[in-house]
Amino acid sequence: MPSDEHDRLVHVGDIRAQSIAVLDALTVQLKAVGATWDDVVFRRAYAVDVPAFVEHCVRDATFPVPWNRERLSPSTLIGMTALANPDFLIELEIAAVIAD
């Protein structure tokens, strides 16, 4: 979810900034369990504006590594009419596999 460490919404109205905030939070969570984006085996994005997500997040050459790399994990993009908070424009779900 595009929120800060206190669960407050960030970047209202800016799908790219919300996406980066979510990716940053997921990066912290991956690191906490000893994983990196290279360990991600699946990703799912929920977006209320699919064309904006594709234009400003997926196709943006400056977008963070998890979406622009040579070896992407399988992914799904699902268009939604709304998310848990009406100001959320994007939610991301990932699964990572790491050795013991």
N, C-alpha and C. Protein backbone atom coordinates (compact mmCIF):
# COMPACT_ATOMS: atom_id res chain seq x y z
N MET A 1 0.83 -1.17 0.00
CA MET A 1 0.00 0.00 0.00
C MET A 1 0.88 1.24 0.00
N PRO A 2 0.45 2.28 -0.65
CA PRO A 2 1.25 3.51 -0.68
C PRO A 2 1.10 4.32 0.60
N SER A 3 1.76 3.85 1.63
CA SER A 3 1.69 4.53 2.92
C SER A 3 3.08 4.57 3.55
N ASP A 4 3.21 5.45 4.53
CA ASP A 4 4.51 5.57 5.20
C ASP A 4 4.58 4.59 6.37
N GLU A 5 5.65 4.70 7.17
CA GLU A 5 5.86 3.77 8.27
C GLU A 5 4.81 3.91 9.37
N HIS A 6 3.99 4.96 9.31
CA HIS A 6 2.91 5.15 10.28
C HIS A 6 1.55 4.87 9.65
N ASP A 7 1.56 4.18 8.50
CA ASP A 7 0.35 3.83 7.75
C ASP A 7 -0.44 5.05 7.27
N ARG A 8 0.24 6.15 7.04
CA ARG A 8 -0.40 7.34 6.47
C ARG A 8 -0.20 7.33 4.96
N LEU A 9 -1.24 7.63 4.22
CA LEU A 9 -1.20 7.69 2.77
C LEU A 9 -0.13 8.67 2.30
N VAL A 10 0.58 8.31 1.24
CA VAL A 10 1.57 9.21 0.65
C VAL A 10 1.25 9.44 -0.83
N HIS A 11 1.63 10.59 -1.32
CA HIS A 11 1.58 10.93 -2.75
C HIS A 11 0.18 10.80 -3.36
N VAL A 12 -0.79 11.45 -2.75
CA VAL A 12 -2.16 11.42 -3.26
C VAL A 12 -2.18 11.91 -4.71
N GLY A 13 -2.79 11.11 -5.59
CA GLY A 13 -2.95 11.49 -6.98
C GLY A 13 -1.77 11.22 -7.89
N ASP A 14 -0.68 10.68 -7.37
CA ASP A 14 0.53 10.46 -8.17
C ASP A 14 0.86 8.96 -8.19
N ILE A 15 0.43 8.27 -9.25
CA ILE A 15 0.59 6.82 -9.31
C ILE A 15 2.06 6.41 -9.35
N ARG A 16 2.90 7.18 -10.02
CA ARG A 16 4.32 6.83 -10.07
C ARG A 16 4.96 6.96 -8.69
N ALA A 17 4.69 8.05 -8.00
CA ALA A 17 5.26 8.25 -6.67
C ALA A 17 4.73 7.22 -5.68
N GLN A 18 3.44 6.88 -5.79
CA GLN A 18 2.90 5.83 -4.92
C GLN A 18 3.57 4.50 -5.22
N SER A 19 3.79 4.21 -6.48
CA SER A 19 4.45 2.95 -6.85
C SER A 19 5.86 2.88 -6.29
N ILE A 20 6.60 3.96 -6.39
CA ILE A 20 7.96 3.99 -5.86
C ILE A 20 7.93 3.80 -4.34
N ALA A 21 6.98 4.44 -3.67
CA ALA A 21 6.86 4.27 -2.22
C ALA A 21 6.59 2.81 -1.85
N VAL A 22 5.73 2.16 -2.62
CA VAL A 22 5.42 0.75 -2.36
C VAL A 22 6.66 -0.11 -2.62
N LEU A 23 7.36 0.14 -3.73
CA LEU A 23 8.58 -0.61 -4.03
C LEU A 23 9.63 -0.41 -2.95
N ASP A 24 9.76 0.80 -2.47
CA ASP A 24 10.72 1.06 -1.39
C ASP A 24 10.36 0.27 -0.13
N ALA A 25 9.07 0.25 0.21
CA ALA A 25 8.63 -0.50 1.39
C ALA A 25 8.86 -1.99 1.20
N LEU A 26 8.60 -2.50 0.00
CA LEU A 26 8.83 -3.92 -0.27
C LEU A 26 10.32 -4.25 -0.23
N THR A 27 11.15 -3.34 -0.67
CA THR A 27 12.60 -3.55 -0.61
C THR A 27 13.05 -3.71 0.84
N VAL A 28 12.51 -2.88 1.72
CA VAL A 28 12.82 -2.98 3.15
C VAL A 28 12.35 -4.33 3.69
N GLN A 29 11.15 -4.75 3.32
CA GLN A 29 10.63 -6.03 3.79
C GLN A 29 11.46 -7.20 3.26
N LEU A 30 11.87 -7.13 2.01
CA LEU A 30 12.73 -8.18 1.46
C LEU A 30 14.04 -8.26 2.24
N LYS A 31 14.64 -7.10 2.45
CA LYS A 31 15.92 -7.07 3.17
C LYS A 31 15.78 -7.64 4.58
N ALA A 32 14.64 -7.38 5.21
CA ALA A 32 14.42 -7.85 6.58
C ALA A 32 14.44 -9.37 6.68
N VAL A 33 14.13 -10.06 5.59
CA VAL A 33 14.15 -11.53 5.61
C VAL A 33 15.34 -12.10 4.84
N GLY A 34 16.29 -11.24 4.51
CA GLY A 34 17.49 -11.69 3.82
C GLY A 34 17.30 -11.92 2.34
N ALA A 35 16.32 -11.25 1.74
CA ALA A 35 16.04 -11.43 0.31
C ALA A 35 16.33 -10.14 -0.45
N THR A 36 16.39 -10.27 -1.77
CA THR A 36 16.52 -9.12 -2.65
C THR A 36 15.49 -9.28 -3.77
N TRP A 37 15.45 -8.30 -4.65
CA TRP A 37 14.53 -8.39 -5.79
C TRP A 37 14.88 -9.56 -6.70
N ASP A 38 16.12 -10.02 -6.66
CA ASP A 38 16.50 -11.20 -7.46
C ASP A 38 15.82 -12.46 -6.95
N ASP A 39 15.35 -12.46 -5.71
CA ASP A 39 14.67 -13.61 -5.13
C ASP A 39 13.17 -13.62 -5.39
N VAL A 40 12.66 -12.54 -5.97
CA VAL A 40 11.22 -12.43 -6.23
C VAL A 40 10.86 -13.35 -7.40
N VAL A 41 9.89 -14.22 -7.15
CA VAL A 41 9.48 -15.19 -8.17
C VAL A 41 8.11 -14.88 -8.74
N PHE A 42 7.41 -13.92 -8.16
CA PHE A 42 6.09 -13.54 -8.64
C PHE A 42 5.76 -12.15 -8.16
N ARG A 43 5.09 -11.39 -8.99
CA ARG A 43 4.62 -10.06 -8.61
C ARG A 43 3.23 -9.82 -9.20
N ARG A 44 2.41 -9.12 -8.44
CA ARG A 44 1.06 -8.79 -8.90
C ARG A 44 0.81 -7.33 -8.56
N ALA A 45 0.37 -6.56 -9.55
CA ALA A 45 0.05 -5.15 -9.34
C ALA A 45 -1.44 -4.94 -9.52
N TYR A 46 -2.01 -4.19 -8.62
CA TYR A 46 -3.41 -3.78 -8.71
C TYR A 46 -3.39 -2.27 -8.96
N ALA A 47 -4.02 -1.82 -10.02
CA ALA A 47 -4.01 -0.40 -10.35
C ALA A 47 -5.41 0.08 -10.70
N VAL A 48 -5.75 1.27 -10.22
CA VAL A 48 -7.05 1.83 -10.57
C VAL A 48 -7.02 2.51 -11.93
N ASP A 49 -5.82 2.78 -12.44
CA ASP A 49 -5.66 3.38 -13.77
C ASP A 49 -4.55 2.63 -14.49
N VAL A 50 -4.94 1.57 -15.18
CA VAL A 50 -3.95 0.71 -15.85
C VAL A 50 -3.13 1.48 -16.88
N PRO A 51 -3.75 2.29 -17.77
CA PRO A 51 -2.91 3.03 -18.72
C PRO A 51 -1.89 3.94 -18.04
N ALA A 52 -2.27 4.61 -16.96
CA ALA A 52 -1.32 5.47 -16.25
C ALA A 52 -0.21 4.65 -15.62
N PHE A 53 -0.56 3.49 -15.06
CA PHE A 53 0.47 2.63 -14.46
C PHE A 53 1.47 2.18 -15.53
N VAL A 54 0.97 1.75 -16.66
CA VAL A 54 1.86 1.29 -17.73
C VAL A 54 2.72 2.45 -18.23
N GLU A 55 2.12 3.60 -18.43
CA GLU A 55 2.85 4.75 -18.96
C GLU A 55 3.88 5.31 -17.98
N HIS A 56 3.50 5.47 -16.75
CA HIS A 56 4.36 6.17 -15.79
C HIS A 56 5.20 5.25 -14.91
N CYS A 57 4.92 3.96 -14.94
CA CYS A 57 5.65 3.05 -14.07
C CYS A 57 6.39 1.97 -14.84
N VAL A 58 5.71 1.26 -15.69
CA VAL A 58 6.32 0.14 -16.41
C VAL A 58 7.23 0.63 -17.52
N ARG A 59 6.78 1.58 -18.31
CA ARG A 59 7.56 2.03 -19.48
C ARG A 59 8.58 3.12 -19.15
N ASP A 60 8.51 3.68 -17.99
CA ASP A 60 9.41 4.76 -17.59
C ASP A 60 10.83 4.22 -17.41
N ALA A 61 11.74 4.69 -18.21
CA ALA A 61 13.11 4.18 -18.17
C ALA A 61 13.81 4.48 -16.85
N THR A 62 13.31 5.43 -16.09
CA THR A 62 13.94 5.76 -14.81
C THR A 62 13.29 5.03 -13.64
N PHE A 63 12.28 4.22 -13.93
CA PHE A 63 11.59 3.52 -12.84
C PHE A 63 12.52 2.52 -12.19
N PRO A 64 12.35 2.27 -10.89
CA PRO A 64 13.27 1.39 -10.15
C PRO A 64 13.44 0.01 -10.77
N VAL A 65 14.56 -0.57 -10.48
CA VAL A 65 14.99 -1.86 -11.00
C VAL A 65 13.93 -2.97 -10.98
N PRO A 66 13.12 -3.10 -9.94
CA PRO A 66 12.21 -4.24 -9.92
C PRO A 66 11.32 -4.38 -11.16
N TRP A 67 11.05 -3.29 -11.87
CA TRP A 67 10.19 -3.40 -13.05
C TRP A 67 10.98 -3.32 -14.36
N ASN A 68 12.18 -2.80 -14.34
CA ASN A 68 12.97 -2.67 -15.55
C ASN A 68 14.26 -3.45 -15.41
N ARG A 69 14.21 -4.72 -15.66
CA ARG A 69 15.42 -5.54 -15.61
C ARG A 69 15.35 -6.61 -16.67
N GLU A 70 16.48 -7.21 -16.93
CA GLU A 70 16.53 -8.21 -17.99
C GLU A 70 15.77 -9.48 -17.65
N ARG A 71 15.76 -9.87 -16.39
CA ARG A 71 15.12 -11.11 -15.99
C ARG A 71 13.96 -10.80 -15.04
N LEU A 72 12.82 -10.51 -15.60
CA LEU A 72 11.65 -10.24 -14.77
C LEU A 72 11.00 -11.54 -14.31
N SER A 73 10.49 -11.53 -13.11
CA SER A 73 9.70 -12.65 -12.64
C SER A 73 8.31 -12.56 -13.27
N PRO A 74 7.57 -13.67 -13.27
CA PRO A 74 6.21 -13.62 -13.80
C PRO A 74 5.42 -12.53 -13.07
N SER A 75 4.57 -11.84 -13.82
CA SER A 75 3.81 -10.77 -13.21
C SER A 75 2.41 -10.68 -13.79
N THR A 76 1.55 -10.08 -13.01
CA THR A 76 0.17 -9.87 -13.42
C THR A 76 -0.20 -8.44 -13.06
N LEU A 77 -0.90 -7.78 -13.96
CA LEU A 77 -1.42 -6.43 -13.71
C LEU A 77 -2.94 -6.54 -13.77
N ILE A 78 -3.59 -6.13 -12.68
CA ILE A 78 -5.04 -6.23 -12.58
C ILE A 78 -5.62 -4.83 -12.42
N GLY A 79 -6.52 -4.47 -13.31
CA GLY A 79 -7.21 -3.20 -13.21
C GLY A 79 -8.33 -3.29 -12.20
N MET A 80 -8.42 -2.29 -11.35
CA MET A 80 -9.42 -2.27 -10.29
C MET A 80 -10.26 -0.99 -10.39
N THR A 81 -11.49 -1.04 -9.91
CA THR A 81 -12.28 0.18 -9.85
C THR A 81 -11.98 0.95 -8.57
N ALA A 82 -11.50 0.26 -7.54
CA ALA A 82 -11.13 0.91 -6.28
C ALA A 82 -10.24 -0.04 -5.50
N LEU A 83 -9.46 0.53 -4.58
CA LEU A 83 -8.63 -0.26 -3.67
C LEU A 83 -9.09 0.00 -2.25
N ALA A 84 -8.40 -0.53 -1.26
CA ALA A 84 -8.83 -0.45 0.14
C ALA A 84 -9.06 0.98 0.61
N ASN A 85 -8.25 1.90 0.16
CA ASN A 85 -8.40 3.32 0.47
C ASN A 85 -8.70 4.01 -0.86
N PRO A 86 -9.71 4.88 -0.91
CA PRO A 86 -10.05 5.52 -2.19
C PRO A 86 -8.91 6.33 -2.80
N ASP A 87 -7.91 6.71 -2.00
CA ASP A 87 -6.77 7.47 -2.53
C ASP A 87 -5.61 6.59 -2.97
N PHE A 88 -5.69 5.28 -2.72
CA PHE A 88 -4.67 4.37 -3.23
C PHE A 88 -4.86 4.22 -4.73
N LEU A 89 -3.78 4.41 -5.47
CA LEU A 89 -3.82 4.22 -6.92
C LEU A 89 -3.19 2.90 -7.32
N ILE A 90 -2.40 2.32 -6.43
CA ILE A 90 -1.64 1.11 -6.74
C ILE A 90 -1.44 0.29 -5.46
N GLU A 91 -1.47 -1.01 -5.63
CA GLU A 91 -1.03 -1.94 -4.59
C GLU A 91 -0.20 -3.00 -5.28
N LEU A 92 0.85 -3.45 -4.64
CA LEU A 92 1.72 -4.47 -5.21
C LEU A 92 1.82 -5.64 -4.25
N GLU A 93 1.87 -6.84 -4.84
CA GLU A 93 2.01 -8.06 -4.06
C GLU A 93 3.15 -8.84 -4.69
N ILE A 94 4.05 -9.34 -3.85
CA ILE A 94 5.18 -10.13 -4.36
C ILE A 94 5.34 -11.40 -3.55
N ALA A 95 6.04 -12.36 -4.14
CA ALA A 95 6.46 -13.57 -3.43
C ALA A 95 7.93 -13.77 -3.75
N ALA A 96 8.70 -14.07 -2.72
CA ALA A 96 10.14 -14.31 -2.89
C ALA A 96 10.49 -15.66 -2.29
N VAL A 97 11.48 -16.30 -2.87
CA VAL A 97 11.96 -17.59 -2.39
C VAL A 97 13.43 -17.44 -2.05
N ILE A 98 13.77 -17.82 -0.81
CA ILE A 98 15.17 -17.77 -0.39
C ILE A 98 15.54 -19.11 0.24
N ALA A 99 16.81 -19.42 0.20
CA ALA A 99 17.29 -20.66 0.84
C ALA A 99 17.30 -20.48 2.34
N ASP A 100 17.28 -21.59 3.06
CA ASP A 100 17.31 -21.53 4.53
C ASP A 100 18.54 -20.85 5.02
